Amino acid sequence: MIGAGGVGGLLGAMLARAGNDVRMLARGRSLAQIREHGIRVIGPGEDYTASVARAAEDPAELGVADVVLVTVKTWQLGELAPRLAPLVGPHSVVVPLQNGVEASELLAPALGEDRVVGAVARVISWSEAPGVIRWISPPSLTIGLRRAGPSEDLQACAETLRTGGIEVLVSNAIDRARWTKLLFIAPYAAVGAVERAPLGVIRQAPAARARLLAAMAEVAAVAAARGVALPPDTAATMMQKLDELPGDATASMHRDIVDGRPSELAELIGAVVRLGRDAHVATPVSAALYAELEPLERKARGS
């Protein structure tokens, strides 16, 4: 488990509670807390603590893994990827759970094109304190090979994850799943951060809702230009999913920006603008959202 935040901490605790040999890459106060007290998980109707088999700051101390779940921020992958090589053996499956559509491609050159799969995570969870994770929507993962090939290791990965009570779908169209997630999360995170409001507020404000839908349409257009055709009703379907989520839900990018931390702005709505420009697709709504938030990102990074 690479990362001990809202997603990594939750998935690691779920798998450890089910009896799996979970080893976790963490640092600072989170590492100390996990080593001494384990991971506390708080969610609807549950409050438990799970202990992992080993926690360390150096990947080389964790050993080769059957499944490597990478849950750090996308912008950390470039520096981190080579350090993860000691975890990857001939049958390891590396599962990047970052938002966006480029995480697998950032990891694969260092860890193996045939070892890194595509993945999409759906969960609302966050780190309430070091070693303390709160969730309000349970995790669901979609995983799939990025190119044709044997799927035995992928199926074994899915079966392992399911032992922890994690919902896992194995997809033959993982690029479509990744772009669908980008269409969902990039506009939602950006509009929420601009409005400084949770989902329940922005989805009921006509102007904010219209901005969400317009940005979603731009993501679909960029996907199509890059060879990934999404169903015509994808934006409406994703808007319906947003309507069904808890009203106090916020995206992690939104929370990071509001709290003055570095975020995945460049990898989400920024990627829509950048990939759209490369494909000669206009993205004015996404570009305006990015322009409003980019100064806050530069401030968070001290630049």
Protein backbone atom coordinates (compact mmCIF):
# COMPACT_ATOMS: atom_id res chain seq x y z
CA MET A 1 0.00 0.00 0.00
CA ILE A 2 1.73 3.15 -1.24
CA GLY A 3 0.31 6.00 0.82
CA ALA A 4 -1.61 6.14 4.07
CA GLY A 5 -4.12 8.90 3.36
CA GLY A 6 -7.84 8.74 2.85
CA VAL A 7 -7.80 6.09 0.12
CA GLY A 8 -4.63 4.18 1.01
CA GLY A 9 -5.37 4.11 4.71
CA LEU A 10 -8.92 2.88 4.18
CA LEU A 11 -8.05 0.15 1.66
CA GLY A 12 -5.04 -0.96 3.70
CA ALA A 13 -7.14 -1.25 6.85
CA MET A 14 -9.90 -3.17 5.06
CA LEU A 15 -7.42 -5.66 3.59
CA ALA A 16 -5.50 -6.03 6.86
CA ARG A 17 -8.70 -6.63 8.84
CA ALA A 18 -9.49 -9.48 6.45
CA GLY A 19 -6.19 -11.16 7.28
CA ASN A 20 -4.04 -10.10 4.33
CA ASP A 21 -0.32 -9.38 4.69
CA VAL A 22 -0.50 -5.62 4.21
CA ARG A 23 2.69 -3.56 4.08
CA MET A 24 2.39 0.20 3.92
CA LEU A 25 4.62 2.99 2.68
CA ALA A 26 4.09 6.03 4.90
CA ARG A 27 6.08 8.83 6.48
CA GLY A 28 6.15 11.32 9.33
CA ARG A 29 3.40 11.31 11.92
CA SER A 30 1.29 8.87 9.91
CA LEU A 31 4.11 6.31 9.90
CA ALA A 32 4.65 6.65 13.64
CA GLN A 33 0.94 6.39 14.40
CA ILE A 34 0.42 3.35 12.19
CA ARG A 35 3.41 1.54 13.65
CA GLU A 36 2.30 2.17 17.23
CA HIS A 37 -1.48 2.08 17.04
CA GLY A 38 -2.53 0.77 13.63
CA ILE A 39 -5.09 2.46 11.37
CA ARG A 40 -8.37 3.60 12.84
CA VAL A 41 -11.31 3.62 10.42
CA ILE A 42 -14.53 5.52 11.14
CA GLY A 43 -17.52 5.21 8.84
CA PRO A 44 -21.29 4.76 8.80
CA GLY A 45 -22.00 2.20 11.50
CA GLU A 46 -18.39 1.21 12.14
CA ASP A 47 -15.33 2.24 14.10
CA TYR A 48 -12.41 -0.18 14.16
CA THR A 49 -8.63 -0.33 14.21
CA ALA A 50 -6.53 -2.58 11.97
CA SER A 51 -2.82 -3.30 12.21
CA VAL A 52 -0.66 -3.73 9.12
CA ALA A 53 2.14 -6.29 8.96
CA ARG A 54 4.82 -3.68 8.26
CA ALA A 55 5.06 0.06 7.74
CA ALA A 56 8.13 1.87 6.44
CA GLU A 57 9.32 5.03 4.69
CA ASP A 58 11.65 3.13 2.34
CA PRO A 59 9.95 0.87 -0.25
CA ALA A 60 12.97 -1.46 -0.19
CA GLU A 61 12.01 -2.45 3.38
CA LEU A 62 8.61 -3.79 2.32
CA GLY A 63 9.60 -6.61 -0.04
CA VAL A 64 8.11 -7.85 -3.31
CA ALA A 65 4.29 -7.66 -3.34
CA ASP A 66 1.59 -9.50 -5.25
CA VAL A 67 -0.45 -6.28 -5.44
CA VAL A 68 0.91 -2.74 -5.22
CA LEU A 69 -1.83 -0.16 -4.65
CA VAL A 70 -0.49 3.33 -5.34
CA THR A 71 -2.58 6.02 -3.65
CA VAL A 72 -0.30 9.07 -3.43
CA LYS A 73 -1.06 12.20 -5.44
CA THR A 74 -0.44 12.09 -9.19
CA TRP A 75 2.16 14.86 -9.07
CA GLN A 76 4.29 12.70 -6.74
CA LEU A 77 4.55 9.76 -9.15
CA GLY A 78 7.44 10.94 -11.29
CA GLU A 79 9.86 11.07 -8.37
CA LEU A 80 8.39 8.07 -6.58
CA ALA A 81 8.12 5.55 -9.44
CA PRO A 82 11.77 4.40 -9.57
CA ARG A 83 11.82 3.93 -5.80
CA LEU A 84 8.96 1.42 -6.06
CA ALA A 85 10.91 -1.01 -8.25
CA PRO A 86 11.90 -3.29 -5.29
CA LEU A 87 8.21 -4.04 -4.74
CA VAL A 88 7.60 -5.40 -8.23
CA GLY A 89 8.21 -9.03 -9.18
CA PRO A 90 7.35 -11.07 -12.30
CA HIS A 91 3.72 -11.52 -11.24
CA SER A 92 3.12 -8.28 -9.35
CA VAL A 93 0.20 -6.08 -10.35
CA VAL A 94 0.66 -2.34 -9.86
CA VAL A 95 -2.67 -0.53 -9.46
CA PRO A 96 -2.53 3.30 -9.65
CA LEU A 97 -5.59 4.78 -7.93
CA GLN A 98 -4.97 8.43 -8.76
CA ASN A 99 -7.59 10.64 -10.36
CA GLY A 100 -6.94 11.57 -13.96
CA VAL A 101 -5.94 9.54 -17.02
CA GLU A 102 -2.13 9.60 -16.92
CA ALA A 103 -1.03 7.85 -13.71
CA SER A 104 -0.45 4.43 -15.26
CA GLU A 105 1.67 5.94 -18.00
CA LEU A 106 3.80 7.76 -15.42
CA LEU A 107 4.53 4.54 -13.50
CA ALA A 108 4.92 2.03 -16.33
CA PRO A 109 8.35 3.11 -17.67
CA ALA A 110 9.92 2.48 -14.25
CA LEU A 111 7.87 -0.51 -13.11
CA GLY A 112 7.06 -2.39 -16.31
CA GLU A 113 4.52 -1.85 -19.05
CA ASP A 114 3.12 -5.33 -18.42
CA ARG A 115 2.94 -4.91 -14.63
CA VAL A 116 1.09 -1.57 -14.40
CA VAL A 117 -2.65 -1.78 -15.08
CA GLY A 118 -5.26 0.91 -15.51
CA ALA A 119 -7.59 1.62 -12.62
CA VAL A 120 -10.38 3.84 -11.37
CA ALA A 121 -11.29 4.36 -7.72
CA ARG A 122 -14.65 5.56 -6.43
CA VAL A 123 -14.70 6.39 -2.73
CA ILE A 124 -15.31 9.34 -0.44
CA SER A 125 -12.81 9.14 2.41
CA TRP A 126 -10.19 11.32 4.00
CA SER A 127 -7.51 11.40 6.65
CA GLU A 128 -9.01 13.01 9.73
CA ALA A 129 -5.69 12.79 11.60
CA PRO A 130 -2.50 10.75 11.17
CA GLY A 131 -3.59 7.11 11.14
CA VAL A 132 -7.30 8.01 11.38
CA ILE A 133 -9.48 7.60 8.28
CA ARG A 134 -13.11 8.58 7.91
CA TRP A 135 -15.31 7.47 5.02
CA ILE A 136 -18.87 8.22 3.93
CA SER A 137 -18.98 6.28 0.64
CA PRO A 138 -17.45 2.78 0.44
CA PRO A 139 -14.67 1.99 -2.04
CA SER A 140 -15.33 0.56 -5.47
CA LEU A 141 -12.51 -0.13 -7.93
CA THR A 142 -12.41 -0.81 -11.66
CA ILE A 143 -9.20 -2.36 -12.98
CA GLY A 144 -8.14 -3.50 -16.43
CA LEU A 145 -5.20 -4.30 -18.67
CA ARG A 146 -3.98 -1.34 -20.70
CA ARG A 147 -3.07 -3.62 -23.58
CA ALA A 148 -4.05 -7.12 -24.70
CA GLY A 149 -2.35 -9.92 -22.81
CA PRO A 150 -2.73 -12.64 -20.18
CA SER A 151 -5.10 -11.67 -17.40
CA GLU A 152 -4.36 -14.32 -14.75
CA ASP A 153 -2.41 -11.92 -12.53
CA LEU A 154 -5.11 -9.27 -12.91
CA GLN A 155 -7.82 -11.73 -11.87
CA ALA A 156 -5.76 -12.81 -8.86
CA CYS A 157 -5.36 -9.14 -7.91
CA ALA A 158 -9.13 -8.63 -8.07
CA GLU A 159 -9.78 -11.70 -5.93
CA THR A 160 -7.31 -10.49 -3.29
CA LEU A 161 -8.90 -7.05 -3.11
CA ARG A 162 -12.36 -8.56 -2.78
CA THR A 163 -11.29 -10.43 0.35
CA GLY A 164 -11.24 -7.04 2.09
CA GLY A 165 -14.84 -6.32 1.17
CA ILE A 166 -13.77 -3.99 -1.64
CA GLU A 167 -16.00 -3.98 -4.70
CA VAL A 168 -13.86 -4.71 -7.78
CA LEU A 169 -14.89 -4.73 -11.44
CA VAL A 170 -12.50 -6.08 -14.07
CA SER A 171 -12.99 -4.10 -17.27
CA ASN A 172 -12.00 -4.75 -20.88
CA ALA A 173 -12.35 -1.01 -21.61
CA ILE A 174 -10.25 0.60 -18.90
CA ASP A 175 -9.44 3.73 -20.94
CA ARG A 176 -13.14 4.47 -21.25
CA ALA A 177 -13.52 3.95 -17.50
CA ARG A 178 -10.63 6.32 -16.76
CA TRP A 179 -11.99 9.07 -19.01
CA THR A 180 -15.47 8.62 -17.54
CA LYS A 181 -13.97 9.16 -14.08
CA LEU A 182 -12.11 12.24 -15.31
CA LEU A 183 -15.38 13.60 -16.70
CA PHE A 184 -16.91 13.06 -13.25
CA ILE A 185 -14.16 14.28 -10.95
CA ALA A 186 -12.39 17.13 -12.78
CA PRO A 187 -15.42 19.43 -13.18
CA TYR A 188 -16.81 18.48 -9.75
CA ALA A 189 -13.50 19.19 -8.00
CA ALA A 190 -12.84 22.43 -9.89
CA VAL A 191 -16.33 23.91 -9.54
CA GLY A 192 -16.45 22.94 -5.88
CA ALA A 193 -13.08 24.61 -5.23
CA VAL A 194 -14.06 27.77 -7.11
CA GLU A 195 -17.40 28.01 -5.30
CA ARG A 196 -15.88 27.00 -1.95
CA ALA A 197 -18.97 24.87 -1.38
CA PRO A 198 -19.83 21.19 -0.87
CA LEU A 199 -21.65 19.17 -3.48
CA GLY A 200 -25.11 19.74 -2.02
CA VAL A 201 -24.74 23.49 -2.55
CA ILE A 202 -23.17 23.55 -6.01
CA ARG A 203 -25.55 21.02 -7.57
CA GLN A 204 -28.56 23.14 -6.53
CA ALA A 205 -27.13 26.45 -7.80
CA PRO A 206 -28.22 26.85 -11.45
CA ALA A 207 -25.07 28.64 -12.60
CA ALA A 208 -22.73 26.19 -10.88
CA ARG A 209 -24.70 23.21 -12.17
CA ALA A 210 -24.57 24.59 -15.73
CA ARG A 211 -20.81 25.08 -15.38
CA LEU A 212 -20.44 21.47 -14.24
CA LEU A 213 -22.33 20.14 -17.24
CA ALA A 214 -20.44 22.37 -19.69
CA ALA A 215 -17.08 21.23 -18.33
CA MET A 216 -18.21 17.61 -18.53
CA ALA A 217 -19.08 18.10 -22.21
CA GLU A 218 -15.57 19.42 -22.80
CA VAL A 219 -14.00 16.33 -21.20
CA ALA A 220 -16.11 14.11 -23.45
CA ALA A 221 -14.98 16.08 -26.51
CA VAL A 222 -11.31 15.76 -25.55
CA ALA A 223 -11.72 12.02 -24.93
CA ALA A 224 -13.31 11.55 -28.36
CA ALA A 225 -10.51 13.48 -30.04
CA ARG A 226 -8.00 11.17 -28.35
CA GLY A 227 -9.77 8.03 -29.54
CA VAL A 228 -11.92 7.25 -26.51
CA ALA A 229 -15.59 7.60 -27.38
CA LEU A 230 -17.84 7.94 -24.33
CA PRO A 231 -21.58 7.18 -24.55
CA PRO A 232 -23.64 10.29 -25.42
CA ASP A 233 -25.43 10.20 -22.06
CA THR A 234 -22.23 10.04 -19.97
CA ALA A 235 -22.48 13.62 -18.66
CA ALA A 236 -26.13 13.15 -17.68
CA THR A 237 -25.30 9.85 -15.99
CA MET A 238 -22.42 11.38 -14.02
CA MET A 239 -24.59 14.33 -13.01
CA GLN A 240 -27.15 11.87 -11.70
CA LYS A 241 -24.42 10.19 -9.65
CA LEU A 242 -23.45 13.57 -8.20
CA ASP A 243 -27.10 14.15 -7.32
CA GLU A 244 -27.09 10.88 -5.36
CA LEU A 245 -23.96 11.55 -3.29
CA PRO A 246 -24.12 13.00 0.24
CA GLY A 247 -24.63 16.76 0.23
CA ASP A 248 -21.51 17.39 2.34
CA ALA A 249 -19.23 15.56 -0.12
CA THR A 250 -16.16 17.38 -1.46
CA ALA A 251 -13.40 16.20 -3.80
CA SER A 252 -9.88 15.77 -2.45
CA MET A 253 -8.57 18.40 -4.87
CA HIS A 254 -11.18 20.83 -3.52
CA ARG A 255 -10.13 20.13 0.07
CA ASP A 256 -6.43 20.52 -0.74
CA ILE A 257 -6.94 23.89 -2.45
CA VAL A 258 -9.17 25.26 0.30
CA ASP A 259 -6.63 24.16 2.93
CA GLY A 260 -3.71 25.71 1.05
CA ARG A 261 -2.02 22.40 0.17
CA PRO A 262 -0.58 21.35 -3.21
CA SER A 263 -3.32 19.65 -5.20
CA GLU A 264 -3.96 17.67 -8.38
CA LEU A 265 -5.20 20.77 -10.20
CA ALA A 266 -2.76 20.29 -13.09
CA GLU A 267 -3.62 16.60 -13.40
CA LEU A 268 -7.40 17.09 -13.38
CA ILE A 269 -8.97 20.20 -14.89
CA GLY A 270 -5.50 21.30 -16.02
CA ALA A 271 -5.09 18.03 -17.91
CA VAL A 272 -8.41 18.61 -19.68
CA VAL A 273 -7.09 21.94 -20.93
CA ARG A 274 -3.64 20.59 -21.83
CA LEU A 275 -4.84 17.41 -23.55
CA GLY A 276 -7.57 19.38 -25.29
CA ARG A 277 -5.03 21.84 -26.64
CA ASP A 278 -2.87 18.97 -27.90
CA ALA A 279 -5.92 17.48 -29.66
CA HIS A 280 -7.07 20.89 -31.01
CA VAL A 281 -10.26 20.82 -28.92
CA ALA A 282 -11.44 24.08 -27.34
CA THR A 283 -12.08 23.88 -23.57
CA PRO A 284 -13.08 27.43 -22.51
CA VAL A 285 -15.05 26.44 -19.41
CA SER A 286 -12.30 24.17 -18.10
CA ALA A 287 -9.68 26.78 -18.95
CA ALA A 288 -11.57 29.45 -16.97
CA LEU A 289 -11.85 27.15 -13.96
CA TYR A 290 -8.14 26.37 -14.14
CA ALA A 291 -7.26 30.05 -14.45
CA GLU A 292 -9.26 30.88 -11.30
CA LEU A 293 -7.53 28.19 -9.24
CA GLU A 294 -3.99 28.23 -10.62
CA PRO A 295 -2.81 31.23 -8.51
CA LEU A 296 -3.86 29.35 -5.35
CA GLU A 297 -1.92 26.32 -6.54
CA ARG A 298 1.21 28.38 -7.14
CA LYS A 299 0.89 29.89 -3.66
CA ALA A 300 0.51 26.44 -2.08
CA ARG A 301 3.70 25.32 -3.83
CA GLY A 302 5.57 28.48 -2.88
CA SER A 303 6.11 29.58 -6.47
